[in-house]
């Protein structure tokens, strides 16, 4: 048998991949083919989750064996065949491709083709450009100076002269005296 998956992204409206893969293939085979179909690097952690009709996560299938405190068994992609967990059309899965930012592809089994087998997965439809694989985190720091006035705390009874101004001195980040000459790490 062959499973036909439709893969969508909630980040890119016109992104669609349709993949046909043999039911005897492993989740690792599916993982590798999805990454190839979207041009992603294969050196990052990923996971599949079996889902309910409402996209609630259930059983996780991980790239590598991990300790888990969940109610489900720890399943690994290269040891788990697709037909062990998938048996119905419309079965929903989530493929987490960016574990840090929890970004995903939504997958659904749109067809099960009996009496057919296939040596390699095939991309039947490839529309749109996939979202970038890893979101860059903004590491810039914005420092602002707040002016204290009578409405700072949103209370008309606030008295500006009640604040100890010595405790609110300005920091000079270029001051070399802040850094020790002999760091002990």
C-alpha atoms as a PDB file:
ATOM      1  CA  UNK A   1       0.000   0.000   0.000  1.00  0.00           C
ATOM      2  CA  UNK A   2       0.946   3.618  -0.455  1.00  0.00           C
ATOM      3  CA  UNK A   3       0.090   6.601   1.726  1.00  0.00           C
ATOM      4  CA  UNK A   4      -0.490   9.957   0.086  1.00  0.00           C
ATOM      5  CA  UNK A   5       0.215  12.852   2.461  1.00  0.00           C
ATOM      6  CA  UNK A   6      -0.706  16.493   1.988  1.00  0.00           C
ATOM      7  CA  UNK A   7       1.603  18.854   3.851  1.00  0.00           C
ATOM      8  CA  UNK A   8       0.686  22.479   4.657  1.00  0.00           C
ATOM      9  CA  UNK A   9       2.234  25.354   6.578  1.00  0.00           C
ATOM     10  CA  UNK A  10       0.422  27.939   8.671  1.00  0.00           C
ATOM     11  CA  UNK A  11       3.236  30.404   7.859  1.00  0.00           C
ATOM     12  CA  UNK A  12       3.027  30.369   4.052  1.00  0.00           C
ATOM     13  CA  UNK A  13      -0.418  30.418   2.459  1.00  0.00           C
ATOM     14  CA  UNK A  14       0.459  28.923  -0.924  1.00  0.00           C
ATOM     15  CA  UNK A  15       2.801  26.201   0.390  1.00  0.00           C
ATOM     16  CA  UNK A  16       1.688  22.641  -0.422  1.00  0.00           C
ATOM     17  CA  UNK A  17       3.569  19.376  -0.759  1.00  0.00           C
ATOM     18  CA  UNK A  18       1.923  16.091  -1.658  1.00  0.00           C
ATOM     19  CA  UNK A  19       4.028  13.035  -1.020  1.00  0.00           C
ATOM     20  CA  UNK A  20       3.393   9.399  -1.868  1.00  0.00           C
ATOM     21  CA  UNK A  21       5.316   6.886   0.243  1.00  0.00           C
ATOM     22  CA  UNK A  22       5.076   3.151   0.820  1.00  0.00           C
ATOM     23  CA  UNK A  23       3.311   2.124   4.036  1.00  0.00           C
ATOM     24  CA  UNK A  24       6.296  -0.084   4.935  1.00  0.00           C
ATOM     25  CA  UNK A  25       8.621   2.953   4.985  1.00  0.00           C
ATOM     26  CA  UNK A  26       9.767   4.308   8.327  1.00  0.00           C
ATOM     27  CA  UNK A  27       9.040   7.695   9.821  1.00  0.00           C
ATOM     28  CA  UNK A  28      12.741   8.407   9.249  1.00  0.00           C
ATOM     29  CA  UNK A  29      12.223   7.837   5.496  1.00  0.00           C
ATOM     30  CA  UNK A  30       9.292  10.264   5.583  1.00  0.00           C
ATOM     31  CA  UNK A  31      11.301  12.762   7.648  1.00  0.00           C
ATOM     32  CA  UNK A  32      14.222  12.659   5.179  1.00  0.00           C
ATOM     33  CA  UNK A  33      11.984  13.048   2.165  1.00  0.00           C
ATOM     34  CA  UNK A  34      10.064  15.986   3.651  1.00  0.00           C
ATOM     35  CA  UNK A  35      13.344  17.785   4.404  1.00  0.00           C
ATOM     36  CA  UNK A  36      14.579  17.071   0.861  1.00  0.00           C
ATOM     37  CA  UNK A  37      11.322  18.310  -0.668  1.00  0.00           C
ATOM     38  CA  UNK A  38      11.617  21.677   1.086  1.00  0.00           C
ATOM     39  CA  UNK A  39      15.409  22.060   0.876  1.00  0.00           C
ATOM     40  CA  UNK A  40      16.058  21.959   4.628  1.00  0.00           C
ATOM     41  CA  UNK A  41      19.256  20.891   6.378  1.00  0.00           C
ATOM     42  CA  UNK A  42      19.085  17.457   8.001  1.00  0.00           C
ATOM     43  CA  UNK A  43      21.267  18.205  11.022  1.00  0.00           C
ATOM     44  CA  UNK A  44      18.496  19.489  13.335  1.00  0.00           C
ATOM     45  CA  UNK A  45      16.137  17.725  15.714  1.00  0.00           C
ATOM     46  CA  UNK A  46      12.650  17.021  14.429  1.00  0.00           C
ATOM     47  CA  UNK A  47       9.618  15.074  15.640  1.00  0.00           C
ATOM     48  CA  UNK A  48       6.332  13.758  14.367  1.00  0.00           C
ATOM     49  CA  UNK A  49       3.188  13.821  16.468  1.00  0.00           C
ATOM     50  CA  UNK A  50       0.115  11.749  15.768  1.00  0.00           C
ATOM     51  CA  UNK A  51      -2.901  14.072  16.130  1.00  0.00           C
ATOM     52  CA  UNK A  52      -6.613  13.993  16.719  1.00  0.00           C
ATOM     53  CA  UNK A  53      -9.041  15.478  14.191  1.00  0.00           C
ATOM     54  CA  UNK A  54      -8.676  18.778  16.111  1.00  0.00           C
ATOM     55  CA  UNK A  55      -4.844  18.738  15.777  1.00  0.00           C
ATOM     56  CA  UNK A  56      -4.288  17.857  19.434  1.00  0.00           C
ATOM     57  CA  UNK A  57      -0.895  16.171  19.824  1.00  0.00           C
ATOM     58  CA  UNK A  58      -0.743  12.536  20.805  1.00  0.00           C
ATOM     59  CA  UNK A  59       2.015   9.962  20.342  1.00  0.00           C
ATOM     60  CA  UNK A  60       5.421  11.486  19.510  1.00  0.00           C
ATOM     61  CA  UNK A  61       7.921   9.851  17.165  1.00  0.00           C
ATOM     62  CA  UNK A  62      11.387  11.332  17.744  1.00  0.00           C
ATOM     63  CA  UNK A  63      14.490  11.465  15.576  1.00  0.00           C
ATOM     64  CA  UNK A  64      16.647   9.988  18.335  1.00  0.00           C
ATOM     65  CA  UNK A  65      15.754   8.047  21.451  1.00  0.00           C
ATOM     66  CA  UNK A  66      14.949  10.380  24.317  1.00  0.00           C
ATOM     67  CA  UNK A  67      13.877   9.977  27.899  1.00  0.00           C
ATOM     68  CA  UNK A  68      10.219  10.781  28.176  1.00  0.00           C
ATOM     69  CA  UNK A  69       7.846  11.268  31.057  1.00  0.00           C
ATOM     70  CA  UNK A  70       4.784  11.233  28.823  1.00  0.00           C
ATOM     71  CA  UNK A  71       1.999   8.695  28.878  1.00  0.00           C
ATOM     72  CA  UNK A  72       3.152   7.376  25.483  1.00  0.00           C
ATOM     73  CA  UNK A  73       5.952   4.981  24.591  1.00  0.00           C
ATOM     74  CA  UNK A  74       9.174   6.463  23.274  1.00  0.00           C
ATOM     75  CA  UNK A  75       9.101   5.766  19.531  1.00  0.00           C
ATOM     76  CA  UNK A  76      12.076   6.487  17.269  1.00  0.00           C
ATOM     77  CA  UNK A  77      11.685   7.354  13.578  1.00  0.00           C
ATOM     78  CA  UNK A  78      14.113   4.800  12.143  1.00  0.00           C
ATOM     79  CA  UNK A  79      12.521   1.933  14.110  1.00  0.00           C
ATOM     80  CA  UNK A  80       8.863   2.808  13.513  1.00  0.00           C
ATOM     81  CA  UNK A  81       7.105   1.972  10.247  1.00  0.00           C
ATOM     82  CA  UNK A  82       4.330   4.227   9.005  1.00  0.00           C
ATOM     83  CA  UNK A  83       1.758   1.417   8.936  1.00  0.00           C
ATOM     84  CA  UNK A  84       2.358   0.723  12.646  1.00  0.00           C
ATOM     85  CA  UNK A  85       0.632   3.994  13.562  1.00  0.00           C
ATOM     86  CA  UNK A  86      -1.340   4.993  10.469  1.00  0.00           C
ATOM     87  CA  UNK A  87      -4.270   2.982   9.193  1.00  0.00           C
ATOM     88  CA  UNK A  88      -6.939   5.483   8.173  1.00  0.00           C
ATOM     89  CA  UNK A  89      -7.391   8.180   5.590  1.00  0.00           C
ATOM     90  CA  UNK A  90      -7.636  11.651   7.125  1.00  0.00           C
ATOM     91  CA  UNK A  91      -5.150  10.714   9.868  1.00  0.00           C
ATOM     92  CA  UNK A  92      -3.501  13.963  10.959  1.00  0.00           C
ATOM     93  CA  UNK A  93       0.131  14.442  11.947  1.00  0.00           C
ATOM     94  CA  UNK A  94       2.326  17.350  12.906  1.00  0.00           C
ATOM     95  CA  UNK A  95       5.944  17.461  11.781  1.00  0.00           C
ATOM     96  CA  UNK A  96       7.987  19.751  14.052  1.00  0.00           C
ATOM     97  CA  UNK A  97      10.923  20.998  11.970  1.00  0.00           C
ATOM     98  CA  UNK A  98      12.067  23.825  14.285  1.00  0.00           C
ATOM     99  CA  UNK A  99      12.043  22.502  17.842  1.00  0.00           C
ATOM    100  CA  UNK A 100      13.251  25.761  19.433  1.00  0.00           C
ATOM    101  CA  UNK A 101      10.526  27.961  17.956  1.00  0.00           C
ATOM    102  CA  UNK A 102       8.015  25.071  17.755  1.00  0.00           C
ATOM    103  CA  UNK A 103       7.348  25.582  14.055  1.00  0.00           C
ATOM    104  CA  UNK A 104       5.522  22.818  12.245  1.00  0.00           C
ATOM    105  CA  UNK A 105       4.063  21.386   9.078  1.00  0.00           C
ATOM    106  CA  UNK A 106       0.514  20.071   9.234  1.00  0.00           C
ATOM    107  CA  UNK A 107       0.116  16.710   7.511  1.00  0.00           C
ATOM    108  CA  UNK A 108      -2.875  14.614   6.585  1.00  0.00           C
ATOM    109  CA  UNK A 109      -3.229  11.232   4.939  1.00  0.00           C
ATOM    110  CA  UNK A 110      -5.398  12.185   1.979  1.00  0.00           C
ATOM    111  CA  UNK A 111      -5.410   8.782   0.289  1.00  0.00           C
ATOM    112  CA  UNK A 112      -4.453   5.178   0.938  1.00  0.00           C
ATOM    113  CA  UNK A 113      -3.744   3.341  -2.295  1.00  0.00           C
ATOM    114  CA  UNK A 114      -4.099  -0.460  -1.883  1.00  0.00           C
ATOM    115  CA  UNK A 115      -2.307  -3.111  -3.978  1.00  0.00           C
ATOM    116  CA  UNK A 116       0.478  -0.717  -4.877  1.00  0.00           C
ATOM    117  CA  UNK A 117       3.990  -0.416  -3.568  1.00  0.00           C
ATOM    118  CA  UNK A 118       6.754   2.037  -4.159  1.00  0.00           C
ATOM    119  CA  UNK A 119      10.519   1.769  -3.624  1.00  0.00           C
ATOM    120  CA  UNK A 120      11.106   5.458  -2.996  1.00  0.00           C
ATOM    121  CA  UNK A 121       8.922   8.354  -1.859  1.00  0.00           C
ATOM    122  CA  UNK A 122       7.677  10.658  -4.606  1.00  0.00           C
ATOM    123  CA  UNK A 123       6.713  14.326  -4.460  1.00  0.00           C
ATOM    124  CA  UNK A 124       3.443  14.578  -6.400  1.00  0.00           C
ATOM    125  CA  UNK A 125       2.841  18.304  -5.847  1.00  0.00           C
ATOM    126  CA  UNK A 126       5.294  21.026  -4.957  1.00  0.00           C
ATOM    127  CA  UNK A 127       3.750  24.482  -4.718  1.00  0.00           C
ATOM    128  CA  UNK A 128       5.070  27.556  -2.961  1.00  0.00           C
ATOM    129  CA  UNK A 129       8.286  28.194  -1.130  1.00  0.00           C
ATOM    130  CA  UNK A 130       8.705  26.575   2.258  1.00  0.00           C
ATOM    131  CA  UNK A 131       9.113  28.816   5.295  1.00  0.00           C
ATOM    132  CA  UNK A 132      12.695  29.371   6.399  1.00  0.00           C
ATOM    133  CA  UNK A 133      13.950  26.453   8.452  1.00  0.00           C
ATOM    134  CA  UNK A 134      15.206  28.296  11.528  1.00  0.00           C
ATOM    135  CA  UNK A 135      13.874  31.597  12.819  1.00  0.00           C
ATOM    136  CA  UNK A 136      16.667  33.972  13.705  1.00  0.00           C
ATOM    137  CA  UNK A 137      16.316  35.241  17.239  1.00  0.00           C
ATOM    138  CA  UNK A 138      16.581  38.982  17.747  1.00  0.00           C
ATOM    139  CA  UNK A 139      19.610  39.404  19.991  1.00  0.00           C
ATOM    140  CA  UNK A 140      19.626  43.179  19.939  1.00  0.00           C
ATOM    141  CA  UNK A 141      18.991  44.907  23.243  1.00  0.00           C
ATOM    142  CA  UNK A 142      17.021  48.108  23.355  1.00  0.00           C
ATOM    143  CA  UNK A 143      17.806  50.410  26.261  1.00  0.00           C
ATOM    144  CA  UNK A 144      15.393  53.224  26.880  1.00  0.00           C
ATOM    145  CA  UNK A 145      15.452  56.001  29.430  1.00  0.00           C
ATOM    146  CA  UNK A 146      12.178  56.577  31.213  1.00  0.00           C
ATOM    147  CA  UNK A 147      11.281  60.033  32.387  1.00  0.00           C
ATOM    148  CA  UNK A 148       9.786  59.996  35.857  1.00  0.00           C
ATOM    149  CA  UNK A 149       6.951  62.400  36.393  1.00  0.00           C
ATOM    150  CA  UNK A 150       3.839  62.579  38.508  1.00  0.00           C
ATOM    151  CA  UNK A 151       1.975  60.092  36.255  1.00  0.00           C
ATOM    152  CA  UNK A 152       4.732  57.451  36.178  1.00  0.00           C
ATOM    153  CA  UNK A 153       2.765  55.000  38.300  1.00  0.00           C
ATOM    154  CA  UNK A 154      -0.623  56.206  37.074  1.00  0.00           C
ATOM    155  CA  UNK A 155      -1.420  57.681  40.477  1.00  0.00           C
ATOM    156  CA  UNK A 156      -2.013  61.384  41.034  1.00  0.00           C
ATOM    157  CA  UNK A 157      -0.944  60.956  44.687  1.00  0.00           C
ATOM    158  CA  UNK A 158       2.555  59.941  43.595  1.00  0.00           C
ATOM    159  CA  UNK A 159       5.188  62.416  44.756  1.00  0.00           C
ATOM    160  CA  UNK A 160       8.316  62.638  42.619  1.00  0.00           C
ATOM    161  CA  UNK A 161      10.390  63.810  45.586  1.00  0.00           C
ATOM    162  CA  UNK A 162       9.688  60.460  47.347  1.00  0.00           C
ATOM    163  CA  UNK A 163      12.061  58.666  44.964  1.00  0.00           C
ATOM    164  CA  UNK A 164      15.670  58.163  46.055  1.00  0.00           C
ATOM    165  CA  UNK A 165      17.380  59.581  42.967  1.00  0.00           C
ATOM    166  CA  UNK A 166      20.765  58.147  43.974  1.00  0.00           C
ATOM    167  CA  UNK A 167      19.399  54.663  43.367  1.00  0.00           C
ATOM    168  CA  UNK A 168      18.547  55.583  39.782  1.00  0.00           C
ATOM    169  CA  UNK A 169      21.971  56.588  38.478  1.00  0.00           C
ATOM    170  CA  UNK A 170      22.839  56.003  34.838  1.00  0.00           C
ATOM    171  CA  UNK A 171      24.991  53.014  33.909  1.00  0.00           C
ATOM    172  CA  UNK A 172      27.879  53.551  31.558  1.00  0.00           C
ATOM    173  CA  UNK A 173      28.391  50.334  29.590  1.00  0.00           C
ATOM    174  CA  UNK A 174      31.694  51.608  28.200  1.00  0.00           C
ATOM    175  CA  UNK A 175      33.146  51.927  31.697  1.00  0.00           C
ATOM    176  CA  UNK A 176      36.115  49.542  31.808  1.00  0.00           C
ATOM    177  CA  UNK A 177      36.010  49.508  35.624  1.00  0.00           C
ATOM    178  CA  UNK A 178      32.984  47.210  35.373  1.00  0.00           C
ATOM    179  CA  UNK A 179      35.168  44.414  34.039  1.00  0.00           C
ATOM    180  CA  UNK A 180      37.837  42.685  36.056  1.00  0.00           C
ATOM    181  CA  UNK A 181      41.347  42.471  34.618  1.00  0.00           C
ATOM    182  CA  UNK A 182      41.683  38.949  35.980  1.00  0.00           C
ATOM    183  CA  UNK A 183      38.459  37.080  35.163  1.00  0.00           C
ATOM    184  CA  UNK A 184      37.975  33.833  37.065  1.00  0.00           C
ATOM    185  CA  UNK A 185      35.723  31.610  35.051  1.00  0.00           C
END
